[in-house]
C-alpha cells in the first residue's frame, strides 16, 4: 500500500515505514503530524484517485529531525561592468517517518 501526499508544494510517494525529507515544518522532534493532502491511494485491490484530494485518506508521520541542506551557491555577473555577487543558500528541511496510511 502506498500513497501520494503533497506538502510544501511538492509531492511524495510514501508507504508505512518510509523516511522522507520535506520542506521545514513547524513541529517538535518526536511529535506526530498528519498529512491531510493525499492525492492518490493504492491498496492491494483498488486505486483511489482524488479530485483533487482523497477526502477520507491521511498519512500519520513522526517528526524525526530538523536540519539544513547543503549550500547552493548563487553567482550573478554583468559582463564588462565589473559587477559580480555571490550568495549562498541553505534550505531548511524536516525528516519524517511515515507510521501509517489511513484510507
Protein backbone atom coordinates (compact mmCIF):
# COMPACT_ATOMS: atom_id res chain seq x y z
CA UNK A 1 0.00 0.00 0.00
CA UNK A 2 1.31 3.43 -0.89
CA UNK A 3 0.02 6.97 -1.27
CA UNK A 4 0.99 10.24 -2.95
CA UNK A 5 0.94 13.15 -0.48
CA UNK A 6 1.57 16.86 -1.00
CA UNK A 7 3.35 19.11 1.47
CA UNK A 8 5.40 22.23 0.96
CA UNK A 9 4.33 22.47 -2.68
CA UNK A 10 5.93 19.12 -3.56
CA UNK A 11 4.55 15.60 -3.95
CA UNK A 12 5.99 12.50 -2.27
CA UNK A 13 5.32 8.77 -2.66
CA UNK A 14 5.02 7.33 0.85
CA UNK A 15 4.33 3.95 2.37
CA UNK A 16 4.35 2.81 6.02
CA UNK A 17 7.92 2.84 7.35
CA UNK A 18 9.36 5.11 4.68
CA UNK A 19 11.50 8.15 5.56
CA UNK A 20 11.12 11.39 3.58
CA UNK A 21 12.69 14.86 3.74
CA UNK A 22 10.13 17.64 3.26
CA UNK A 23 10.15 21.43 3.44
CA UNK A 24 10.61 22.69 7.00
CA UNK A 25 7.56 22.12 9.19
CA UNK A 26 6.76 23.85 12.48
CA UNK A 27 6.63 20.76 14.71
CA UNK A 28 8.77 19.42 17.54
CA UNK A 29 11.03 16.40 17.17
CA UNK A 30 9.22 13.25 18.29
CA UNK A 31 5.73 14.64 17.72
CA UNK A 32 3.17 13.08 15.39
CA UNK A 33 1.75 15.07 12.49
CA UNK A 34 -0.99 14.33 9.98
CA UNK A 35 -0.56 14.92 6.26
CA UNK A 36 -4.09 15.61 5.01
CA UNK A 37 -3.41 16.37 1.33
CA UNK A 38 -3.48 12.84 -0.07
CA UNK A 39 -3.76 12.83 -3.86
CA UNK A 40 -3.74 9.06 -4.54
CA UNK A 41 -4.03 5.87 -2.50
CA UNK A 42 -3.05 2.48 -3.95
CA UNK A 43 -4.08 -0.63 -2.00
CA UNK A 44 -3.79 -4.28 -3.00
CA UNK A 45 -7.19 -4.36 -4.70
CA UNK A 46 -8.03 -0.79 -5.73
CA UNK A 47 -6.68 2.67 -6.56
CA UNK A 48 -8.34 5.81 -5.18
CA UNK A 49 -7.59 8.96 -7.14
CA UNK A 50 -8.64 12.28 -5.66
CA UNK A 51 -10.20 15.18 -7.48
CA UNK A 52 -8.01 16.94 -6.32
CA UNK A 53 -7.72 15.09 -2.97
CA UNK A 54 -8.93 11.84 -1.46
CA UNK A 55 -11.15 13.15 1.34
CA UNK A 56 -11.08 10.16 3.70
CA UNK A 57 -7.34 9.48 3.44
CA UNK A 58 -4.47 10.79 5.55
CA UNK A 59 -0.91 9.87 6.41
CA UNK A 60 0.33 9.88 10.00
CA UNK A 61 4.04 10.67 10.38
CA UNK A 62 6.57 11.13 13.18
CA UNK A 63 8.98 14.08 13.09
CA UNK A 64 12.49 12.63 13.31
CA UNK A 65 14.73 15.69 12.91
CA UNK A 66 15.18 19.17 11.51
CA UNK A 67 18.17 20.36 9.53
CA UNK A 68 19.56 22.43 6.71
CA UNK A 69 20.55 21.09 3.33
CA UNK A 70 23.98 21.60 1.74
CA UNK A 71 24.86 25.06 0.48
CA UNK A 72 23.85 26.14 -3.01
CA UNK A 73 25.92 28.99 -4.46
CA UNK A 74 24.21 31.71 -6.49
CA UNK A 75 26.53 33.81 -8.67
CA UNK A 76 25.44 36.96 -10.51
CA UNK A 77 27.59 38.73 -13.08
CA UNK A 78 27.19 41.52 -15.62
CA UNK A 79 29.93 41.41 -18.17
CA UNK A 80 32.12 44.43 -18.80
CA UNK A 81 30.55 46.29 -15.83
CA UNK A 82 32.82 44.98 -13.06
CA UNK A 83 29.74 43.64 -11.27
CA UNK A 84 29.60 40.25 -9.60
CA UNK A 85 27.86 38.99 -6.47
CA UNK A 86 27.98 35.62 -4.74
CA UNK A 87 25.24 34.40 -2.43
CA UNK A 88 24.82 31.14 -0.57
CA UNK A 89 21.58 29.45 0.41
CA UNK A 90 20.86 26.50 2.71
CA UNK A 91 17.30 25.18 2.51
CA UNK A 92 15.80 24.03 5.84
CA UNK A 93 14.12 20.61 5.90
CA UNK A 94 12.26 18.23 8.21
CA UNK A 95 12.75 14.46 8.20
CA UNK A 96 9.56 12.43 8.61
CA UNK A 97 8.96 8.71 9.18
CA UNK A 98 5.57 7.54 7.92
CA UNK A 99 3.82 5.47 10.59
CA UNK A 100 0.54 4.58 8.88
CA UNK A 101 -1.77 5.37 5.99
CA UNK A 102 -5.46 5.73 6.77
CA UNK A 103 -7.83 5.48 3.83
